[in-house]
C-alpha atoms as a PDB file:
ATOM      1  CA  ILE A   1      98.923 113.123 102.838  1.00  0.00           C
ATOM      2  CA  ALA A   2      99.703 116.240 104.890  1.00  0.00           C
ATOM      3  CA  MET A   3     102.581 114.440 106.604  1.00  0.00           C
ATOM      4  CA  GLN A   4     104.245 114.314 103.174  1.00  0.00           C
ATOM      5  CA  THR A   5     103.027 117.529 101.546  1.00  0.00           C
ATOM      6  CA  TYR A   6     103.646 119.922 104.465  1.00  0.00           C
ATOM      7  CA  PRO A   7     107.400 119.181 104.635  1.00  0.00           C
ATOM      8  CA  GLN A   8     107.571 119.313 100.823  1.00  0.00           C
ATOM      9  CA  MET A   9     105.913 122.737 100.818  1.00  0.00           C
ATOM     10  CA  ALA A  10     108.262 123.965 103.550  1.00  0.00           C
ATOM     11  CA  ALA A  11     111.308 122.702 101.671  1.00  0.00           C
ATOM     12  CA  ARG A  12     110.209 124.261  98.385  1.00  0.00           C
ATOM     13  CA  TYR A  13     108.955 127.664  99.545  1.00  0.00           C
ATOM     14  CA  LYS A  14     110.848 128.250 102.830  1.00  0.00           C
ATOM     15  CA  PRO A  15     107.940 130.315 104.211  1.00  0.00           C
ATOM     16  CA  ASP A  16     108.433 132.728 107.081  1.00  0.00           C
ATOM     17  CA  ASN A  17     105.288 131.324 108.729  1.00  0.00           C
ATOM     18  CA  PHE A  18     103.559 127.980 108.269  1.00  0.00           C
ATOM     19  CA  VAL A  19     100.148 127.490 109.874  1.00  0.00           C
ATOM     20  CA  ILE A  20      99.812 123.779 110.605  1.00  0.00           C
ATOM     21  CA  VAL A  21      96.188 123.834 111.784  1.00  0.00           C
ATOM     22  CA  HIS A  22      93.825 126.549 110.646  1.00  0.00           C
ATOM     23  CA  GLU A  23      90.217 126.633 111.876  1.00  0.00           C
ATOM     24  CA  PRO A  24      90.134 122.968 112.941  1.00  0.00           C
ATOM     25  CA  THR A  25      86.361 122.581 112.722  1.00  0.00           C
ATOM     26  CA  THR A  26      86.388 124.015 109.190  1.00  0.00           C
ATOM     27  CA  MET A  27      89.212 121.691 108.195  1.00  0.00           C
ATOM     28  CA  ALA A  28      87.339 118.708 109.639  1.00  0.00           C
ATOM     29  CA  ALA A  29      84.070 119.703 107.945  1.00  0.00           C
ATOM     30  CA  ARG A  30      85.716 120.016 104.556  1.00  0.00           C
ATOM     31  CA  MET A  31      87.370 116.623 104.966  1.00  0.00           C
ATOM     32  CA  THR A  32      84.054 115.196 106.247  1.00  0.00           C
ATOM     33  CA  ILE A  33      85.672 113.833 109.407  1.00  0.00           C
ATOM     34  CA  THR A  34      85.081 114.312 113.113  1.00  0.00           C
ATOM     35  CA  THR A  35      88.051 115.429 115.199  1.00  0.00           C
ATOM     36  CA  THR A  36      88.957 116.501 118.721  1.00  0.00           C
ATOM     37  CA  PRO A  37      91.552 118.949 120.047  1.00  0.00           C
ATOM     38  CA  GLY A  38      93.657 115.913 120.944  1.00  0.00           C
ATOM     39  CA  ASP A  39      93.610 114.679 117.352  1.00  0.00           C
ATOM     40  CA  TRP A  40      94.928 118.002 116.045  1.00  0.00           C
ATOM     41  CA  ASP A  41      97.418 118.234 118.909  1.00  0.00           C
ATOM     42  CA  ALA A  42      98.882 114.872 117.914  1.00  0.00           C
ATOM     43  CA  PHE A  43      99.039 115.975 114.277  1.00  0.00           C
ATOM     44  CA  ILE A  44     100.860 119.212 115.169  1.00  0.00           C
ATOM     45  CA  ARG A  45     103.415 117.375 117.296  1.00  0.00           C
ATOM     46  CA  ALA A  46     104.015 114.798 114.554  1.00  0.00           C
ATOM     47  CA  VAL A  47     104.376 117.129 111.567  1.00  0.00           C
ATOM     48  CA  GLU A  48     106.139 120.117 113.168  1.00  0.00           C
ATOM     49  CA  PRO A  49     109.559 118.383 113.391  1.00  0.00           C
ATOM     50  CA  LEU A  50     109.265 117.453 109.703  1.00  0.00           C
ATOM     51  CA  ILE A  51     108.485 121.050 108.700  1.00  0.00           C
ATOM     52  CA  LYS A  52     111.343 122.458 110.786  1.00  0.00           C
ATOM     53  CA  ALA A  53     113.751 119.874 109.385  1.00  0.00           C
ATOM     54  CA  ALA A  54     112.770 120.897 105.850  1.00  0.00           C
ATOM     55  CA  SER A  55     112.978 124.643 106.578  1.00  0.00           C
ATOM     56  CA  PRO A  56     114.659 125.454 109.919  1.00  0.00           C
ATOM     57  CA  ARG A  57     113.918 129.206 109.770  1.00  0.00           C
ATOM     58  CA  THR A  58     110.183 128.704 109.215  1.00  0.00           C
ATOM     59  CA  GLN A  59     108.027 129.520 112.211  1.00  0.00           C
ATOM     60  CA  VAL A  60     105.040 127.248 112.824  1.00  0.00           C
ATOM     61  CA  GLY A  61     101.669 128.073 114.277  1.00  0.00           C
ATOM     62  CA  ALA A  62      98.087 126.969 114.794  1.00  0.00           C
ATOM     63  CA  GLY A  63      94.826 128.589 115.714  1.00  0.00           C
ATOM     64  CA  ASP A  64      91.108 128.991 115.390  1.00  0.00           C
ATOM     65  CA  CYS A  65      88.268 131.377 114.655  1.00  0.00           C
ATOM     66  CA  SER A  66      86.249 133.357 117.155  1.00  0.00           C
ATOM     67  CA  HIS A  67      82.800 132.593 115.775  1.00  0.00           C
ATOM     68  CA  CYS A  68      83.381 128.830 115.318  1.00  0.00           C
ATOM     69  CA  ASN A  69      83.213 127.738 118.982  1.00  0.00           C
ATOM     70  CA  GLU A  70      86.806 126.511 118.913  1.00  0.00           C
ATOM     71  CA  GLU A  71      87.876 127.624 122.383  1.00  0.00           C
ATOM     72  CA  ALA A  72      88.915 124.095 123.382  1.00  0.00           C
ATOM     73  CA  PHE A  73      91.233 123.891 120.374  1.00  0.00           C
ATOM     74  CA  PHE A  74      92.957 127.185 121.180  1.00  0.00           C
ATOM     75  CA  ALA A  75      93.393 126.156 124.828  1.00  0.00           C
ATOM     76  CA  ASP A  76      95.041 122.909 123.717  1.00  0.00           C
ATOM     77  CA  PHE A  77      97.256 124.461 121.043  1.00  0.00           C
ATOM     78  CA  VAL A  78      98.567 127.280 123.228  1.00  0.00           C
ATOM     79  CA  ALA A  79      99.709 124.686 125.782  1.00  0.00           C
ATOM     80  CA  ILE A  80     101.923 122.950 123.196  1.00  0.00           C
ATOM     81  CA  PRO A  81     105.523 123.927 124.063  1.00  0.00           C
ATOM     82  CA  THR A  82     106.983 127.021 122.465  1.00  0.00           C
ATOM     83  CA  CYS A  83     109.692 126.173 119.946  1.00  0.00           C
ATOM     84  CA  THR A  84     113.204 126.082 121.389  1.00  0.00           C
ATOM     85  CA  ALA A  85     116.249 123.978 120.603  1.00  0.00           C
ATOM     86  CA  ALA A  86     114.994 121.469 123.160  1.00  0.00           C
ATOM     87  CA  THR A  87     111.452 121.147 121.779  1.00  0.00           C
ATOM     88  CA  LEU A  88     111.993 121.150 118.005  1.00  0.00           C
ATOM     89  CA  THR A  89     111.932 117.384 117.678  1.00  0.00           C
ATOM     90  CA  SER A  90     109.028 116.709 120.040  1.00  0.00           C
ATOM     91  CA  GLY A  91     106.383 119.066 118.684  1.00  0.00           C
ATOM     92  CA  CYS A  92     106.169 122.804 119.302  1.00  0.00           C
ATOM     93  CA  LEU A  93     104.534 126.020 118.111  1.00  0.00           C
ATOM     94  CA  ASP A  94     106.065 129.457 117.632  1.00  0.00           C
ATOM     95  CA  PHE A  95     102.831 131.412 117.329  1.00  0.00           C
ATOM     96  CA  MET A  96      99.055 131.328 117.606  1.00  0.00           C
ATOM     97  CA  THR A  97      96.478 132.574 115.109  1.00  0.00           C
ATOM     98  CA  MET A  98      92.921 133.841 115.335  1.00  0.00           C
ATOM     99  CA  ASP A  99      90.264 134.607 112.721  1.00  0.00           C
ATOM    100  CA  LEU A 100      87.681 137.305 113.365  1.00  0.00           C
ATOM    101  CA  TYR A 101      84.688 137.989 111.127  1.00  0.00           C
ATOM    102  CA  SER A 102      82.319 139.006 113.891  1.00  0.00           C
ATOM    103  CA  ASN A 103      81.389 142.367 115.353  1.00  0.00           C
ATOM    104  CA  ALA A 104      80.170 140.804 118.599  1.00  0.00           C
ATOM    105  CA  ALA A 105      81.783 142.394 121.646  1.00  0.00           C
ATOM    106  CA  ALA A 106      82.199 138.943 123.190  1.00  0.00           C
ATOM    107  CA  ASP A 107      84.383 137.822 120.273  1.00  0.00           C
ATOM    108  CA  PHE A 108      86.674 140.843 120.607  1.00  0.00           C
ATOM    109  CA  THR A 109      86.927 140.234 124.349  1.00  0.00           C
ATOM    110  CA  GLU A 110      87.711 136.586 123.696  1.00  0.00           C
ATOM    111  CA  ASP A 111      90.436 137.408 121.163  1.00  0.00           C
ATOM    112  CA  ALA A 112      92.031 139.955 123.502  1.00  0.00           C
ATOM    113  CA  GLY A 113      92.103 137.303 126.219  1.00  0.00           C
ATOM    114  CA  TRP A 114      93.551 134.693 123.889  1.00  0.00           C
ATOM    115  CA  ALA A 115      96.282 137.104 122.840  1.00  0.00           C
ATOM    116  CA  GLN A 116      97.311 137.522 126.464  1.00  0.00           C
ATOM    117  CA  VAL A 117      97.279 133.745 127.002  1.00  0.00           C
ATOM    118  CA  ALA A 118      99.525 133.312 123.955  1.00  0.00           C
ATOM    119  CA  HIS A 119     101.929 135.985 125.195  1.00  0.00           C
ATOM    120  CA  ALA A 120     102.021 134.364 128.626  1.00  0.00           C
ATOM    121  CA  ALA A 121     102.960 131.072 126.953  1.00  0.00           C
ATOM    122  CA  GLY A 122     105.845 132.775 125.136  1.00  0.00           C
ATOM    123  CA  LYS A 123     104.185 132.625 121.727  1.00  0.00           C
ATOM    124  CA  GLY A 124     103.601 135.284 119.121  1.00  0.00           C
ATOM    125  CA  VAL A 125     100.025 135.848 118.014  1.00  0.00           C
ATOM    126  CA  TYR A 126      98.363 137.428 115.015  1.00  0.00           C
ATOM    127  CA  THR A 127      95.005 137.841 113.326  1.00  0.00           C
ATOM    128  CA  GLU A 128      95.325 135.343 110.536  1.00  0.00           C
ATOM    129  CA  GLU A 129      92.055 136.271 108.839  1.00  0.00           C
ATOM    130  CA  THR A 130      89.638 139.140 109.234  1.00  0.00           C
ATOM    131  CA  PHE A 131      87.105 141.133 107.281  1.00  0.00           C
ATOM    132  CA  ALA A 132      83.897 142.972 108.002  1.00  0.00           C
ATOM    133  CA  PRO A 133      81.118 140.555 108.985  1.00  0.00           C
ATOM    134  CA  HIS A 134      79.130 138.963 106.185  1.00  0.00           C
ATOM    135  CA  PHE A 135      75.537 140.041 105.669  1.00  0.00           C
ATOM    136  CA  PHE A 136      72.876 137.460 106.495  1.00  0.00           C
ATOM    137  CA  SER A 137      69.111 137.831 106.384  1.00  0.00           C
ATOM    138  CA  GLY A 138      68.801 135.459 109.321  1.00  0.00           C
ATOM    139  CA  ALA A 139      70.885 133.041 111.357  1.00  0.00           C
ATOM    140  CA  ILE A 140      73.931 131.387 109.818  1.00  0.00           C
ATOM    141  CA  PRO A 141      72.760 127.970 108.580  1.00  0.00           C
ATOM    142  CA  PRO A 142      74.349 124.918 110.200  1.00  0.00           C
ATOM    143  CA  GLY A 143      77.035 123.119 108.236  1.00  0.00           C
ATOM    144  CA  PHE A 144      78.292 126.234 106.422  1.00  0.00           C
ATOM    145  CA  GLN A 145      81.896 125.258 107.187  1.00  0.00           C
ATOM    146  CA  GLY A 146      81.616 122.249 104.905  1.00  0.00           C
ATOM    147  CA  ASN A 147      80.826 124.484 101.934  1.00  0.00           C
ATOM    148  CA  ALA A 148      83.683 125.346  99.619  1.00  0.00           C
ATOM    149  CA  GLY A 149      82.729 129.014  99.811  1.00  0.00           C
ATOM    150  CA  GLY A 150      82.349 129.093 103.601  1.00  0.00           C
ATOM    151  CA  LEU A 151      80.476 132.161 104.842  1.00  0.00           C
ATOM    152  CA  GLU A 152      80.461 133.662 101.352  1.00  0.00           C
ATOM    153  CA  SER A 153      78.330 130.790 100.088  1.00  0.00           C
ATOM    154  CA  VAL A 154      75.542 131.567 102.576  1.00  0.00           C
ATOM    155  CA  SER A 155      75.735 135.390 102.565  1.00  0.00           C
ATOM    156  CA  THR A 156      72.673 137.295 101.387  1.00  0.00           C
ATOM    157  CA  ILE A 157      74.860 139.835  99.574  1.00  0.00           C
ATOM    158  CA  GLY A 158      78.383 138.970  98.436  1.00  0.00           C
ATOM    159  CA  SER A 159      81.174 140.491 100.516  1.00  0.00           C
ATOM    160  CA  ALA A 160      82.693 142.260  97.486  1.00  0.00           C
ATOM    161  CA  ASN A 161      79.539 144.315  96.894  1.00  0.00           C
ATOM    162  CA  ALA A 162      80.321 148.017  96.502  1.00  0.00           C
ATOM    163  CA  ILE A 163      77.884 148.944  99.273  1.00  0.00           C
ATOM    164  CA  PHE A 164      80.441 147.615 101.765  1.00  0.00           C
ATOM    165  CA  THR A 165      83.372 149.753 100.566  1.00  0.00           C
ATOM    166  CA  GLY A 166      83.321 152.252 103.426  1.00  0.00           C
ATOM    167  CA  LEU A 167      82.566 149.595 106.012  1.00  0.00           C
ATOM    168  CA  ASP A 168      85.477 147.466 104.826  1.00  0.00           C
ATOM    169  CA  GLN A 169      87.902 150.372 105.117  1.00  0.00           C
ATOM    170  CA  ASP A 170      86.668 151.200 108.622  1.00  0.00           C
ATOM    171  CA  TRP A 171      86.859 147.537 109.634  1.00  0.00           C
ATOM    172  CA  ILE A 172      90.490 147.147 108.563  1.00  0.00           C
ATOM    173  CA  LYS A 173      91.499 150.352 110.342  1.00  0.00           C
ATOM    174  CA  ALA A 174      89.704 149.247 113.503  1.00  0.00           C
ATOM    175  CA  MET A 175      91.252 145.776 113.392  1.00  0.00           C
ATOM    176  CA  VAL A 176      94.747 147.219 113.006  1.00  0.00           C
ATOM    177  CA  GLN A 177      94.153 149.342 116.098  1.00  0.00           C
ATOM    178  CA  PHE A 178      92.711 146.371 118.001  1.00  0.00           C
ATOM    179  CA  ASP A 179      95.678 144.173 117.080  1.00  0.00           C
ATOM    180  CA  MET A 180      98.241 146.820 118.028  1.00  0.00           C
ATOM    181  CA  ALA A 181      96.496 147.397 121.351  1.00  0.00           C
ATOM    182  CA  ASN A 182      96.738 143.666 122.108  1.00  0.00           C
ATOM    183  CA  GLY A 183     100.349 143.121 121.042  1.00  0.00           C
ATOM    184  CA  MET A 184      99.613 141.080 117.943  1.00  0.00           C
ATOM    185  CA  GLN A 185     102.330 140.730 115.323  1.00  0.00           C
ATOM    186  CA  SER A 186     100.351 141.086 112.107  1.00  0.00           C
ATOM    187  CA  ILE A 187      96.953 141.063 110.474  1.00  0.00           C
ATOM    188  CA  THR A 188      95.711 139.534 107.230  1.00  0.00           C
ATOM    189  CA  PRO A 189      92.663 141.105 105.556  1.00  0.00           C
ATOM    190  CA  PHE A 190      91.145 138.020 103.981  1.00  0.00           C
ATOM    191  CA  THR A 191      88.591 139.088 101.365  1.00  0.00           C
ATOM    192  CA  THR A 192      91.299 140.098  98.922  1.00  0.00           C
ATOM    193  CA  GLN A 193      88.904 140.350  95.952  1.00  0.00           C
ATOM    194  CA  THR A 194      87.952 143.765  97.300  1.00  0.00           C
ATOM    195  CA  PHE A 195      91.486 145.062  96.801  1.00  0.00           C
ATOM    196  CA  PHE A 196      90.947 144.637  93.063  1.00  0.00           C
ATOM    197  CA  LEU A 197      87.246 144.913  92.297  1.00  0.00           C
ATOM    198  CA  TYR A 198      83.974 145.828  93.930  1.00  0.00           C
ATOM    199  CA  VAL A 199      80.778 144.878  92.127  1.00  0.00           C
ATOM    200  CA  THR A 200      77.231 146.217  92.265  1.00  0.00           C
ATOM    201  CA  SER A 201      75.367 142.922  92.214  1.00  0.00           C
ATOM    202  CA  GLY A 202      75.885 139.279  93.128  1.00  0.00           C
END
C-alpha cells in the first residue's frame, strides 16, 4: 500500500520533508509484523525514487528513536547513499531523524554521536520528535509500541497534565540548545496538545 500512497502523498502535498521510515520497531509493532534493518532498507530504496519522481524538491529521510533499541536501523539507514543526481533512481536519503523522550545521559550521548555520523555521511539530521519523558510508576511494559497511544497509553499521569508545564518548557529549551550544539537542522516538539490545553486530571 505504501508503495502507492507515499508517491500520491508526495504528488499532492509537495512536502519539504518526507520521512519514509519512522521508528521502525514501532511501525512493525503497529502492523503486527517482524522486520529487520534490511527489510526497511529495501523499502527505502524502492519507494524513494517514486517519491522523488512525484515531488522532485521533496527531501527524504529515515530514522529511529533513542529509547527503542534501534541502533542497528540507524546504522543501516545512514549508510544508504546521500541523494545526488546519480543516486536518485537507486535509493537515497537526504537526512536522518531521531526521536528523544528520555532523560538518560546515555541517550543524549548516543544522539550526539548519531548526529556526527549523519554529518560525516553528508546527510542533514534533526530531532523529529521530542518531549519531556513520560511519567511511569515502574518499568515501561513490554509491547507498548503496538498500542495506538504509544507511551501515552501506559503513562501513570497523562503528558498534558498541568503539573508538567514548567518541565515541558525547560525540556524544549534544553532540546533546542542540545540540537544547536550538535548541528541539527530542526526540532519537532511532539506532544502538541500542550500548546493548546493543559488539564488537571487524566
